[in-house]
Every structure is written in structure tokens, then in C-alpha cells.
Amino acid sequence: MPSLPNLFRPLPDASAGERFDDLLSLPGCRVERIVSRGQASPPGFWYDQDWDEWVLLLAGSAVLRLESRPRPIALAVGDHLLIPAGERHRVEATDPAGPTVWLAVHAKGATTAG
């Protein structure tokens, strides 16, 4: 019997750079696994996407900054957040001691309808 794909096995080594793996791609929706280990966005860099992104932290820890919020957002395992299209955001920090595993869903949703 063939084995099913597993989100945690094998986990890529992200010590040299974040790893992005598409898990599912459908018209208007993409699901990816992101593995980080101590990475952060470069100084002055902001993501500015044309699609909604919902992120769920599955392992590790992270700190995100959304341009519209006055304070960074600390994420722990199980925390999730919708980043609407056009919301400039950046990764301030991820856990340097071990893997930070994210599940990200990119979609044209309610905030990108039109």
C-alpha cells in the first residue's frame, strides 16, 4: 500500500534558507508548506500580494509585522492569521533553535473579489 504524503516527514533543512513547497494548487487557490529556521525578511522588505493569505503556525514560533498594525504579532503553535490582499507584511523573526513550519493558503477570496 503506498504511503500518504506527510506534512512533517520529511522536513527539509531550512538552515540555509526558507523552503516553500506547494501541497495543492487549484484555480484560485494554492496551499503551501513553508519551513523556516531563524529567517526574517530583509531590512526594508515588505510582501505586498494581490491575493489573500491565511497562515497557520504548526511548529516553532514566528513574529510577523503588518504595516497597518502598530505592534508586531507573535505567533505560537496553533495561531492563525488572515493577511488580506494588499496588506504589506514582513517576517520579523522565526525560531532559530528549530524548524518553524507554516501552512499557507493563498486564495482570491472575499477581500480580493472583483
PDB file of N, CA and C in Angstrom:
ATOM      1  N   MET A   1       0.848  -1.177   0.000  1.00  0.00           N
ATOM      2  CA  MET A   1       0.000   0.000   0.000  1.00  0.00           C
ATOM      3  C   MET A   1       0.895   1.241   0.000  1.00  0.00           C
ATOM      4  N   PRO A   2       0.650   2.211  -0.899  1.00  0.00           N
ATOM      5  CA  PRO A   2       1.509   3.395  -0.957  1.00  0.00           C
ATOM      6  C   PRO A   2       1.312   4.270   0.285  1.00  0.00           C
ATOM      7  N   SER A   3       2.393   4.918   0.695  1.00  0.00           N
ATOM      8  CA  SER A   3       2.282   5.800   1.855  1.00  0.00           C
ATOM      9  C   SER A   3       1.745   7.156   1.413  1.00  0.00           C
ATOM     10  N   LEU A   4       1.032   7.797   2.305  1.00  0.00           N
ATOM     11  CA  LEU A   4       0.467   9.110   2.030  1.00  0.00           C
ATOM     12  C   LEU A   4       1.514  10.192   2.285  1.00  0.00           C
ATOM     13  N   PRO A   5       1.398  11.314   1.596  1.00  0.00           N
ATOM     14  CA  PRO A   5       2.306  12.423   1.899  1.00  0.00           C
ATOM     15  C   PRO A   5       2.099  12.875   3.342  1.00  0.00           C
ATOM     16  N   ASN A   6       3.164  13.330   3.976  1.00  0.00           N
ATOM     17  CA  ASN A   6       3.095  13.781   5.360  1.00  0.00           C
ATOM     18  C   ASN A   6       3.685  15.180   5.435  1.00  0.00           C
ATOM     19  N   LEU A   7       2.978  16.082   6.084  1.00  0.00           N
ATOM     20  CA  LEU A   7       3.401  17.475   6.191  1.00  0.00           C
ATOM     21  C   LEU A   7       4.720  17.638   6.938  1.00  0.00           C
ATOM     22  N   PHE A   8       5.006  16.714   7.860  1.00  0.00           N
ATOM     23  CA  PHE A   8       6.191  16.812   8.703  1.00  0.00           C
ATOM     24  C   PHE A   8       7.320  15.871   8.315  1.00  0.00           C
ATOM     25  N   ARG A   9       7.067  14.920   7.408  1.00  0.00           N
ATOM     26  CA  ARG A   9       8.109  13.966   7.028  1.00  0.00           C
ATOM     27  C   ARG A   9       8.143  13.800   5.518  1.00  0.00           C
ATOM     28  N   PRO A  10       9.263  14.016   4.920  1.00  0.00           N
ATOM     29  CA  PRO A  10      10.464  14.572   5.536  1.00  0.00           C
ATOM     30  C   PRO A  10      10.363  16.091   5.589  1.00  0.00           C
ATOM     31  N   LEU A  11      10.961  16.672   6.600  1.00  0.00           N
ATOM     32  CA  LEU A  11      11.014  18.124   6.723  1.00  0.00           C
ATOM     33  C   LEU A  11      12.324  18.604   6.115  1.00  0.00           C
ATOM     34  N   PRO A  12      12.270  19.540   5.175  1.00  0.00           N
ATOM     35  CA  PRO A  12      13.519  19.998   4.557  1.00  0.00           C
ATOM     36  C   PRO A  12      14.354  20.806   5.549  1.00  0.00           C
ATOM     37  N   ASP A  13      15.649  20.803   5.344  1.00  0.00           N
ATOM     38  CA  ASP A  13      16.558  21.590   6.165  1.00  0.00           C
ATOM     39  C   ASP A  13      16.476  23.038   5.688  1.00  0.00           C
ATOM     40  N   ALA A  14      16.000  23.915   6.577  1.00  0.00           N
ATOM     41  CA  ALA A  14      15.833  25.317   6.212  1.00  0.00           C
ATOM     42  C   ALA A  14      16.910  26.198   6.823  1.00  0.00           C
ATOM     43  N   SER A  15      17.993  25.600   7.305  1.00  0.00           N
ATOM     44  CA  SER A  15      19.022  26.406   7.965  1.00  0.00           C
ATOM     45  C   SER A  15      19.721  27.360   6.990  1.00  0.00           C
ATOM     46  N   ALA A  16      19.771  27.026   5.706  1.00  0.00           N
ATOM     47  CA  ALA A  16      20.423  27.895   4.725  1.00  0.00           C
ATOM     48  C   ALA A  16      19.431  28.839   4.047  1.00  0.00           C
ATOM     49  N   GLY A  17      18.143  28.646   4.269  1.00  0.00           N
ATOM     50  CA  GLY A  17      17.121  29.491   3.655  1.00  0.00           C
ATOM     51  C   GLY A  17      15.756  28.864   3.777  1.00  0.00           C
ATOM     52  N   GLU A  18      14.740  29.708   3.797  1.00  0.00           N
ATOM     53  CA  GLU A  18      13.373  29.195   3.895  1.00  0.00           C
ATOM     54  C   GLU A  18      13.067  28.271   2.727  1.00  0.00           C
ATOM     55  N   ARG A  19      12.215  27.288   2.997  1.00  0.00           N
ATOM     56  CA  ARG A  19      11.795  26.324   1.967  1.00  0.00           C
ATOM     57  C   ARG A  19      10.291  26.456   1.747  1.00  0.00           C
ATOM     58  N   PHE A  20       9.889  26.519   0.501  1.00  0.00           N
ATOM     59  CA  PHE A  20       8.494  26.657   0.116  1.00  0.00           C
ATOM     60  C   PHE A  20       8.119  25.461  -0.749  1.00  0.00           C
ATOM     61  N   ASP A  21       7.094  24.711  -0.330  1.00  0.00           N
ATOM     62  CA  ASP A  21       6.652  23.546  -1.090  1.00  0.00           C
ATOM     63  C   ASP A  21       5.152  23.633  -1.311  1.00  0.00           C
ATOM     64  N   ASP A  22       4.738  23.658  -2.593  1.00  0.00           N
ATOM     65  CA  ASP A  22       3.313  23.623  -2.897  1.00  0.00           C
ATOM     66  C   ASP A  22       2.760  22.249  -2.560  1.00  0.00           C
ATOM     67  N   LEU A  23       1.662  22.238  -1.824  1.00  0.00           N
ATOM     68  CA  LEU A  23       0.988  20.985  -1.481  1.00  0.00           C
ATOM     69  C   LEU A  23      -0.229  20.746  -2.353  1.00  0.00           C
ATOM     70  N   LEU A  24      -0.865  21.846  -2.774  1.00  0.00           N
ATOM     71  CA  LEU A  24      -2.080  21.760  -3.583  1.00  0.00           C
ATOM     72  C   LEU A  24      -2.189  23.034  -4.392  1.00  0.00           C
ATOM     73  N   SER A  25      -2.522  22.891  -5.655  1.00  0.00           N
ATOM     74  CA  SER A  25      -2.724  24.055  -6.500  1.00  0.00           C
ATOM     75  C   SER A  25      -3.974  23.842  -7.343  1.00  0.00           C
ATOM     76  N   LEU A  26      -4.953  24.727  -7.135  1.00  0.00           N
ATOM     77  CA  LEU A  26      -6.214  24.689  -7.867  1.00  0.00           C
ATOM     78  C   LEU A  26      -6.477  26.093  -8.407  1.00  0.00           C
ATOM     79  N   PRO A  27      -7.356  26.214  -9.383  1.00  0.00           N
ATOM     80  CA  PRO A  27      -7.666  27.562  -9.866  1.00  0.00           C
ATOM     81  C   PRO A  27      -8.149  28.449  -8.698  1.00  0.00           C
ATOM     82  N   GLY A  28      -7.452  29.554  -8.484  1.00  0.00           N
ATOM     83  CA  GLY A  28      -7.846  30.496  -7.442  1.00  0.00           C
ATOM     84  C   GLY A  28      -7.398  30.152  -6.038  1.00  0.00           C
ATOM     85  N   CYS A  29      -6.666  29.040  -5.864  1.00  0.00           N
ATOM     86  CA  CYS A  29      -6.249  28.631  -4.519  1.00  0.00           C
ATOM     87  C   CYS A  29      -4.958  27.822  -4.577  1.00  0.00           C
ATOM     88  N   ARG A  30      -4.048  28.150  -3.661  1.00  0.00           N
ATOM     89  CA  ARG A  30      -2.804  27.386  -3.552  1.00  0.00           C
ATOM     90  C   ARG A  30      -2.493  27.188  -2.080  1.00  0.00           C
ATOM     91  N   VAL A  31      -2.094  25.967  -1.728  1.00  0.00           N
ATOM     92  CA  VAL A  31      -1.721  25.639  -0.351  1.00  0.00           C
ATOM     93  C   VAL A  31      -0.245  25.275  -0.356  1.00  0.00           C
ATOM     94  N   GLU A  32       0.508  25.893   0.547  1.00  0.00           N
ATOM     95  CA  GLU A  32       1.937  25.585   0.602  1.00  0.00           C
ATOM     96  C   GLU A  32       2.386  25.372   2.041  1.00  0.00           C
ATOM     97  N   ARG A  33       3.453  24.585   2.137  1.00  0.00           N
ATOM     98  CA  ARG A  33       4.161  24.423   3.413  1.00  0.00           C
ATOM     99  C   ARG A  33       5.398  25.300   3.324  1.00  0.00           C
ATOM    100  N   ILE A  34       5.625  26.075   4.383  1.00  0.00           N
ATOM    101  CA  ILE A  34       6.825  26.896   4.482  1.00  0.00           C
ATOM    102  C   ILE A  34       7.588  26.413   5.701  1.00  0.00           C
ATOM    103  N   VAL A  35       8.876  26.171   5.529  1.00  0.00           N
ATOM    104  CA  VAL A  35       9.731  25.778   6.648  1.00  0.00           C
ATOM    105  C   VAL A  35      10.809  26.844   6.794  1.00  0.00           C
ATOM    106  N   SER A  36      10.893  27.407   7.998  1.00  0.00           N
ATOM    107  CA  SER A  36      11.866  28.453   8.311  1.00  0.00           C
ATOM    108  C   SER A  36      12.724  27.988   9.476  1.00  0.00           C
ATOM    109  N   ARG A  37      13.900  28.573   9.583  1.00  0.00           N
ATOM    110  CA  ARG A  37      14.753  28.304  10.749  1.00  0.00           C
ATOM    111  C   ARG A  37      15.638  29.532  10.973  1.00  0.00           C
ATOM    112  N   GLY A  38      15.104  30.470  11.750  1.00  0.00           N
ATOM    113  CA  GLY A  38      15.846  31.672  12.069  1.00  0.00           C
ATOM    114  C   GLY A  38      15.795  32.757  11.007  1.00  0.00           C
ATOM    115  N   GLN A  39      15.012  32.566   9.950  1.00  0.00           N
ATOM    116  CA  GLN A  39      14.959  33.573   8.898  1.00  0.00           C
ATOM    117  C   GLN A  39      14.028  34.728   9.285  1.00  0.00           C
ATOM    118  N   ALA A  40      14.271  35.851   8.637  1.00  0.00           N
ATOM    119  CA  ALA A  40      13.423  37.038   8.722  1.00  0.00           C
ATOM    120  C   ALA A  40      13.491  37.731   7.370  1.00  0.00           C
ATOM    121  N   SER A  41      12.514  38.581   7.105  1.00  0.00           N
ATOM    122  CA  SER A  41      12.550  39.364   5.869  1.00  0.00           C
ATOM    123  C   SER A  41      13.745  40.316   5.916  1.00  0.00           C
ATOM    124  N   PRO A  42      14.357  40.579   4.780  1.00  0.00           N
ATOM    125  CA  PRO A  42      15.476  41.526   4.758  1.00  0.00           C
ATOM    126  C   PRO A  42      15.023  42.911   5.237  1.00  0.00           C
ATOM    127  N   PRO A  43      15.932  43.697   5.807  1.00  0.00           N
ATOM    128  CA  PRO A  43      15.568  45.043   6.260  1.00  0.00           C
ATOM    129  C   PRO A  43      14.929  45.851   5.119  1.00  0.00           C
ATOM    130  N   GLY A  44      13.813  46.483   5.427  1.00  0.00           N
ATOM    131  CA  GLY A  44      13.120  47.309   4.445  1.00  0.00           C
ATOM    132  C   GLY A  44      12.243  46.564   3.465  1.00  0.00           C
ATOM    133  N   PHE A  45      12.287  45.219   3.467  1.00  0.00           N
ATOM    134  CA  PHE A  45      11.491  44.429   2.519  1.00  0.00           C
ATOM    135  C   PHE A  45      10.095  44.186   3.079  1.00  0.00           C
ATOM    136  N   TRP A  46       9.078  44.363   2.237  1.00  0.00           N
ATOM    137  CA  TRP A  46       7.689  44.063   2.598  1.00  0.00           C
ATOM    138  C   TRP A  46       7.068  43.201   1.510  1.00  0.00           C
ATOM    139  N   TYR A  47       6.342  42.158   1.913  1.00  0.00           N
ATOM    140  CA  TYR A  47       5.499  41.422   0.968  1.00  0.00           C
ATOM    141  C   TYR A  47       4.282  42.299   0.690  1.00  0.00           C
ATOM    142  N   ASP A  48       3.840  42.332  -0.553  1.00  0.00           N
ATOM    143  CA  ASP A  48       2.638  43.069  -0.941  1.00  0.00           C
ATOM    144  C   ASP A  48       1.983  42.245  -2.039  1.00  0.00           C
ATOM    145  N   GLN A  49       1.011  41.435  -1.658  1.00  0.00           N
ATOM    146  CA  GLN A  49       0.456  40.415  -2.543  1.00  0.00           C
ATOM    147  C   GLN A  49      -0.908  40.814  -3.082  1.00  0.00           C
ATOM    148  N   ASP A  50      -1.241  40.274  -4.248  1.00  0.00           N
ATOM    149  CA  ASP A  50      -2.533  40.519  -4.883  1.00  0.00           C
ATOM    150  C   ASP A  50      -3.586  39.496  -4.467  1.00  0.00           C
ATOM    151  N   TRP A  51      -3.276  38.658  -3.488  1.00  0.00           N
ATOM    152  CA  TRP A  51      -4.200  37.609  -3.048  1.00  0.00           C
ATOM    153  C   TRP A  51      -4.211  37.575  -1.517  1.00  0.00           C
ATOM    154  N   ASP A  52      -5.288  37.024  -0.971  1.00  0.00           N
ATOM    155  CA  ASP A  52      -5.372  36.798   0.470  1.00  0.00           C
ATOM    156  C   ASP A  52      -4.427  35.657   0.831  1.00  0.00           C
ATOM    157  N   GLU A  53      -3.866  35.740   2.028  1.00  0.00           N
ATOM    158  CA  GLU A  53      -3.025  34.651   2.527  1.00  0.00           C
ATOM    159  C   GLU A  53      -3.433  34.361   3.969  1.00  0.00           C
ATOM    160  N   TRP A  54      -3.848  33.123   4.192  1.00  0.00           N
ATOM    161  CA  TRP A  54      -4.164  32.672   5.549  1.00  0.00           C
ATOM    162  C   TRP A  54      -3.008  31.787   5.992  1.00  0.00           C
ATOM    163  N   VAL A  55      -2.397  32.119   7.136  1.00  0.00           N
ATOM    164  CA  VAL A  55      -1.277  31.332   7.638  1.00  0.00           C
ATOM    165  C   VAL A  55      -1.639  30.700   8.973  1.00  0.00           C
ATOM    166  N   LEU A  56      -1.165  29.474   9.165  1.00  0.00           N
ATOM    167  CA  LEU A  56      -1.340  28.709  10.395  1.00  0.00           C
ATOM    168  C   LEU A  56       0.033  28.229  10.813  1.00  0.00           C
ATOM    169  N   LEU A  57       0.433  28.511  12.053  1.00  0.00           N
ATOM    170  CA  LEU A  57       1.728  28.065  12.541  1.00  0.00           C
ATOM    171  C   LEU A  57       1.583  26.672  13.143  1.00  0.00           C
ATOM    172  N   LEU A  58       2.301  25.707  12.582  1.00  0.00           N
ATOM    173  CA  LEU A  58       2.195  24.308  13.001  1.00  0.00           C
ATOM    174  C   LEU A  58       3.305  23.876  13.946  1.00  0.00           C
ATOM    175  N   ALA A  59       4.458  24.539  13.877  1.00  0.00           N
ATOM    176  CA  ALA A  59       5.595  24.205  14.749  1.00  0.00           C
ATOM    177  C   ALA A  59       6.485  25.435  14.847  1.00  0.00           C
ATOM    178  N   GLY A  60       7.202  25.551  15.953  1.00  0.00           N
ATOM    179  CA  GLY A  60       8.128  26.660  16.134  1.00  0.00           C
ATOM    180  C   GLY A  60       7.432  27.921  16.607  1.00  0.00           C
ATOM    181  N   SER A  61       8.006  29.054  16.229  1.00  0.00           N
ATOM    182  CA  SER A  61       7.431  30.351  16.593  1.00  0.00           C
ATOM    183  C   SER A  61       7.843  31.362  15.534  1.00  0.00           C
ATOM    184  N   ALA A  62       7.090  32.458  15.471  1.00  0.00           N
ATOM    185  CA  ALA A  62       7.378  33.485  14.478  1.00  0.00           C
ATOM    186  C   ALA A  62       6.823  34.821  14.964  1.00  0.00           C
ATOM    187  N   VAL A  63       7.376  35.874  14.415  1.00  0.00           N
ATOM    188  CA  VAL A  63       6.874  37.222  14.659  1.00  0.00           C
ATOM    189  C   VAL A  63       6.640  37.859  13.298  1.00  0.00           C
ATOM    190  N   LEU A  64       5.406  38.311  13.068  1.00  0.00           N
ATOM    191  CA  LEU A  64       5.045  38.994  11.826  1.00  0.00           C
ATOM    192  C   LEU A  64       4.789  40.467  12.118  1.00  0.00           C
ATOM    193  N   ARG A  65       5.017  41.281  11.129  1.00  0.00           N
ATOM    194  CA  ARG A  65       4.639  42.691  11.221  1.00  0.00           C
ATOM    195  C   ARG A  65       3.725  42.994  10.043  1.00  0.00           C
ATOM    196  N   LEU A  66       2.558  43.564  10.348  1.00  0.00           N
ATOM    197  CA  LEU A  66       1.646  44.069   9.332  1.00  0.00           C
ATOM    198  C   LEU A  66       1.741  45.580   9.367  1.00  0.00           C
ATOM    199  N   GLU A  67       1.881  46.184   8.210  1.00  0.00           N
ATOM    200  CA  GLU A  67       2.085  47.629   8.152  1.00  0.00           C
ATOM    201  C   GLU A  67       0.941  48.395   8.814  1.00  0.00           C
ATOM    202  N   SER A  68      -0.261  47.842   8.785  1.00  0.00           N
ATOM    203  CA  SER A  68      -1.422  48.539   9.329  1.00  0.00           C
ATOM    204  C   SER A  68      -1.537  48.431  10.854  1.00  0.00           C
ATOM    205  N   ARG A  69      -0.679  47.627  11.473  1.00  0.00           N
ATOM    206  CA  ARG A  69      -0.753  47.450  12.929  1.00  0.00           C
ATOM    207  C   ARG A  69       0.456  48.085  13.601  1.00  0.00           C
ATOM    208  N   PRO A  70       0.228  48.677  14.774  1.00  0.00           N
ATOM    209  CA  PRO A  70       1.338  49.379  15.432  1.00  0.00           C
ATOM    210  C   PRO A  70       2.378  48.458  16.055  1.00  0.00           C
ATOM    211  N   ARG A  71       1.997  47.215  16.354  1.00  0.00           N
ATOM    212  CA  ARG A  71       2.929  46.302  17.032  1.00  0.00           C
ATOM    213  C   ARG A  71       3.082  45.002  16.242  1.00  0.00           C
ATOM    214  N   PRO A  72       4.245  44.361  16.380  1.00  0.00           N
ATOM    215  CA  PRO A  72       4.424  43.036  15.767  1.00  0.00           C
ATOM    216  C   PRO A  72       3.451  42.018  16.371  1.00  0.00           C
ATOM    217  N   ILE A  73       3.215  40.950  15.633  1.00  0.00           N
ATOM    218  CA  ILE A  73       2.315  39.885  16.064  1.00  0.00           C
ATOM    219  C   ILE A  73       3.146  38.634  16.308  1.00  0.00           C
ATOM    220  N   ALA A  74       3.193  38.179  17.561  1.00  0.00           N
ATOM    221  CA  ALA A  74       3.910  36.946  17.897  1.00  0.00           C
ATOM    222  C   ALA A  74       2.973  35.769  17.658  1.00  0.00           C
ATOM    223  N   LEU A  75       3.454  34.784  16.912  1.00  0.00           N
ATOM    224  CA  LEU A  75       2.673  33.587  16.618  1.00  0.00           C
ATOM    225  C   LEU A  75       3.276  32.386  17.327  1.00  0.00           C
ATOM    226  N   ALA A  76       2.423  31.624  17.977  1.00  0.00           N
ATOM    227  CA  ALA A  76       2.800  30.363  18.610  1.00  0.00           C
ATOM    228  C   ALA A  76       2.071  29.241  17.883  1.00  0.00           C
ATOM    229  N   VAL A  77       2.434  28.022  18.179  1.00  0.00           N
ATOM    230  CA  VAL A  77       1.814  26.862  17.532  1.00  0.00           C
ATOM    231  C   VAL A  77       0.292  26.944  17.680  1.00  0.00           C
ATOM    232  N   GLY A  78      -0.378  26.793  16.553  1.00  0.00           N
ATOM    233  CA  GLY A  78      -1.837  26.833  16.524  1.00  0.00           C
ATOM    234  C   GLY A  78      -2.409  28.194  16.181  1.00  0.00           C
ATOM    235  N   ASP A  79      -1.616  29.249  16.285  1.00  0.00           N
ATOM    236  CA  ASP A  79      -2.111  30.581  15.935  1.00  0.00           C
ATOM    237  C   ASP A  79      -2.259  30.686  14.424  1.00  0.00           C
ATOM    238  N   HIS A  80      -3.304  31.409  14.000  1.00  0.00           N
ATOM    239  CA  HIS A  80      -3.510  31.625  12.567  1.00  0.00           C
ATOM    240  C   HIS A  80      -3.973  33.045  12.328  1.00  0.00           C
ATOM    241  N   LEU A  81      -3.766  33.499  11.101  1.00  0.00           N
ATOM    242  CA  LEU A  81      -3.990  34.899  10.772  1.00  0.00           C
ATOM    243  C   LEU A  81      -4.316  35.018   9.293  1.00  0.00           C
ATOM    244  N   LEU A  82      -5.301  35.854   8.974  1.00  0.00           N
ATOM    245  CA  LEU A  82      -5.601  36.177   7.583  1.00  0.00           C
ATOM    246  C   LEU A  82      -4.897  37.485   7.237  1.00  0.00           C
ATOM    247  N   ILE A  83      -4.105  37.443   6.188  1.00  0.00           N
ATOM    248  CA  ILE A  83      -3.429  38.630   5.679  1.00  0.00           C
ATOM    249  C   ILE A  83      -4.135  38.988   4.366  1.00  0.00           C
ATOM    250  N   PRO A  84      -4.963  40.037   4.400  1.00  0.00           N
ATOM    251  CA  PRO A  84      -5.721  40.379   3.183  1.00  0.00           C
ATOM    252  C   PRO A  84      -4.819  40.840   2.047  1.00  0.00           C
ATOM    253  N   ALA A  85      -5.306  40.669   0.851  1.00  0.00           N
ATOM    254  CA  ALA A  85      -4.586  41.165  -0.330  1.00  0.00           C
ATOM    255  C   ALA A  85      -4.265  42.638  -0.134  1.00  0.00           C
ATOM    256  N   GLY A  86      -3.043  43.031  -0.508  1.00  0.00           N
ATOM    257  CA  GLY A  86      -2.629  44.418  -0.405  1.00  0.00           C
ATOM    258  C   GLY A  86      -2.119  44.839   0.958  1.00  0.00           C
ATOM    259  N   GLU A  87      -2.228  43.956   1.960  1.00  0.00           N
ATOM    260  CA  GLU A  87      -1.707  44.270   3.302  1.00  0.00           C
ATOM    261  C   GLU A  87      -0.207  44.023   3.303  1.00  0.00           C
ATOM    262  N   ARG A  88       0.576  45.096   3.347  1.00  0.00           N
ATOM    263  CA  ARG A  88       2.025  44.927   3.387  1.00  0.00           C
ATOM    264  C   ARG A  88       2.413  44.272   4.702  1.00  0.00           C
ATOM    265  N   HIS A  89       3.267  43.246   4.600  1.00  0.00           N
ATOM    266  CA  HIS A  89       3.657  42.492   5.788  1.00  0.00           C
ATOM    267  C   HIS A  89       5.067  41.957   5.619  1.00  0.00           C
ATOM    268  N   ARG A  90       5.663  41.574   6.742  1.00  0.00           N
ATOM    269  CA  ARG A  90       7.023  41.041   6.730  1.00  0.00           C
ATOM    270  C   ARG A  90       7.190  40.083   7.892  1.00  0.00           C
ATOM    271  N   VAL A  91       8.170  39.205   7.766  1.00  0.00           N
ATOM    272  CA  VAL A  91       8.522  38.279   8.849  1.00  0.00           C
ATOM    273  C   VAL A  91       9.653  38.940   9.636  1.00  0.00           C
ATOM    274  N   GLU A  92       9.389  39.233  10.898  1.00  0.00           N
ATOM    275  CA  GLU A  92      10.393  39.852  11.759  1.00  0.00           C
ATOM    276  C   GLU A  92      11.366  38.812  12.308  1.00  0.00           C
ATOM    277  N   ALA A  93      10.860  37.597  12.605  1.00  0.00           N
ATOM    278  CA  ALA A  93      11.724  36.555  13.178  1.00  0.00           C
ATOM    279  C   ALA A  93      11.038  35.209  13.097  1.00  0.00           C
ATOM    280  N   THR A  94      11.856  34.159  13.011  1.00  0.00           N
ATOM    281  CA  THR A  94      11.386  32.783  13.195  1.00  0.00           C
ATOM    282  C   THR A  94      12.364  32.104  14.150  1.00  0.00           C
ATOM    283  N   ASP A  95      11.935  31.008  14.731  1.00  0.00           N
ATOM    284  CA  ASP A  95      12.712  30.298  15.750  1.00  0.00           C
ATOM    285  C   ASP A  95      14.057  29.830  15.185  1.00  0.00           C
ATOM    286  N   PRO A  96      15.175  30.294  15.751  1.00  0.00           N
ATOM    287  CA  PRO A  96      16.479  29.844  15.254  1.00  0.00           C
ATOM    288  C   PRO A  96      16.891  28.477  15.792  1.00  0.00           C
ATOM    289  N   ALA A  97      16.218  28.008  16.850  1.00  0.00           N
ATOM    290  CA  ALA A  97      16.614  26.764  17.507  1.00  0.00           C
ATOM    291  C   ALA A  97      16.043  25.516  16.839  1.00  0.00           C
ATOM    292  N   GLY A  98      15.035  25.694  16.012  1.00  0.00           N
ATOM    293  CA  GLY A  98      14.416  24.531  15.381  1.00  0.00           C
ATOM    294  C   GLY A  98      13.516  24.992  14.260  1.00  0.00           C
ATOM    295  N   PRO A  99      12.910  24.051  13.537  1.00  0.00           N
ATOM    296  CA  PRO A  99      12.083  24.432  12.398  1.00  0.00           C
ATOM    297  C   PRO A  99      10.792  25.132  12.822  1.00  0.00           C
ATOM    298  N   THR A 100      10.472  26.165  12.073  1.00  0.00           N
ATOM    299  CA  THR A 100       9.153  26.792  12.145  1.00  0.00           C
ATOM    300  C   THR A 100       8.413  26.320  10.906  1.00  0.00           C
ATOM    301  N   VAL A 101       7.265  25.695  11.101  1.00  0.00           N
ATOM    302  CA  VAL A 101       6.502  25.127   9.986  1.00  0.00           C
ATOM    303  C   VAL A 101       5.178  25.880   9.877  1.00  0.00           C
ATOM    304  N   TRP A 102       4.946  26.423   8.701  1.00  0.00           N
ATOM    305  CA  TRP A 102       3.731  27.178   8.403  1.00  0.00           C
ATOM    306  C   TRP A 102       2.900  26.418   7.375  1.00  0.00           C
ATOM    307  N   LEU A 103       1.606  26.568   7.464  1.00  0.00           N
ATOM    308  CA  LEU A 103       0.702  26.170   6.389  1.00  0.00           C
ATOM    309  C   LEU A 103       0.117  27.471   5.872  1.00  0.00           C
ATOM    310  N   ALA A 104       0.279  27.743   4.586  1.00  0.00           N
ATOM    311  CA  ALA A 104      -0.211  28.976   3.995  1.00  0.00           C
ATOM    312  C   ALA A 104      -1.210  28.647   2.889  1.00  0.00           C
ATOM    313  N   VAL A 105      -2.354  29.317   2.936  1.00  0.00           N
ATOM    314  CA  VAL A 105      -3.369  29.166   1.911  1.00  0.00           C
ATOM    315  C   VAL A 105      -3.481  30.510   1.200  1.00  0.00           C
ATOM    316  N   HIS A 106      -3.182  30.504  -0.091  1.00  0.00           N
ATOM    317  CA  HIS A 106      -3.255  31.705  -0.915  1.00  0.00           C
ATOM    318  C   HIS A 106      -4.511  31.577  -1.776  1.00  0.00           C
ATOM    319  N   ALA A 107      -5.378  32.614  -1.707  1.00  0.00           N
ATOM    320  CA  ALA A 107      -6.632  32.489  -2.426  1.00  0.00           C
ATOM    321  C   ALA A 107      -7.171  33.857  -2.829  1.00  0.00           C
ATOM    322  N   LYS A 108      -7.899  33.850  -3.909  1.00  0.00           N
ATOM    323  CA  LYS A 108      -8.704  35.008  -4.252  1.00  0.00           C
ATOM    324  C   LYS A 108      -9.987  34.816  -3.471  1.00  0.00           C
ATOM    325  N   GLY A 109     -10.135  35.583  -2.405  1.00  0.00           N
ATOM    326  CA  GLY A 109     -11.278  35.408  -1.520  1.00  0.00           C
ATOM    327  C   GLY A 109     -12.120  36.655  -1.440  1.00  0.00           C
ATOM    328  N   ALA A 110     -12.792  36.812  -0.312  1.00  0.00           N
ATOM    329  CA  ALA A 110     -13.718  37.921  -0.112  1.00  0.00           C
ATOM    330  C   ALA A 110     -13.026  39.263  -0.275  1.00  0.00           C
ATOM    331  N   THR A 111     -11.787  39.377   0.169  1.00  0.00           N
ATOM    332  CA  THR A 111     -11.115  40.665   0.095  1.00  0.00           C
ATOM    333  C   THR A 111     -10.476  40.909  -1.270  1.00  0.00           C
ATOM    334  N   THR A 112     -10.468  39.892  -2.131  1.00  0.00           N
ATOM    335  CA  THR A 112      -9.881  40.082  -3.466  1.00  0.00           C
ATOM    336  C   THR A 112     -10.914  39.878  -4.567  1.00  0.00           C
ATOM    337  N   ALA A 113     -12.180  39.706  -4.207  1.00  0.00           N
ATOM    338  CA  ALA A 113     -13.215  39.521  -5.225  1.00  0.00           C
ATOM    339  C   ALA A 113     -13.316  40.773  -6.086  1.00  0.00           C
ATOM    340  N   GLY A 114     -13.637  40.570  -7.339  1.00  0.00           N
ATOM    341  CA  GLY A 114     -13.799  41.757  -8.170  1.00  0.00           C
ATOM    342  C   GLY A 114     -13.534  41.498  -9.541  1.00  0.00           C
TER     343      GLY A 114
END
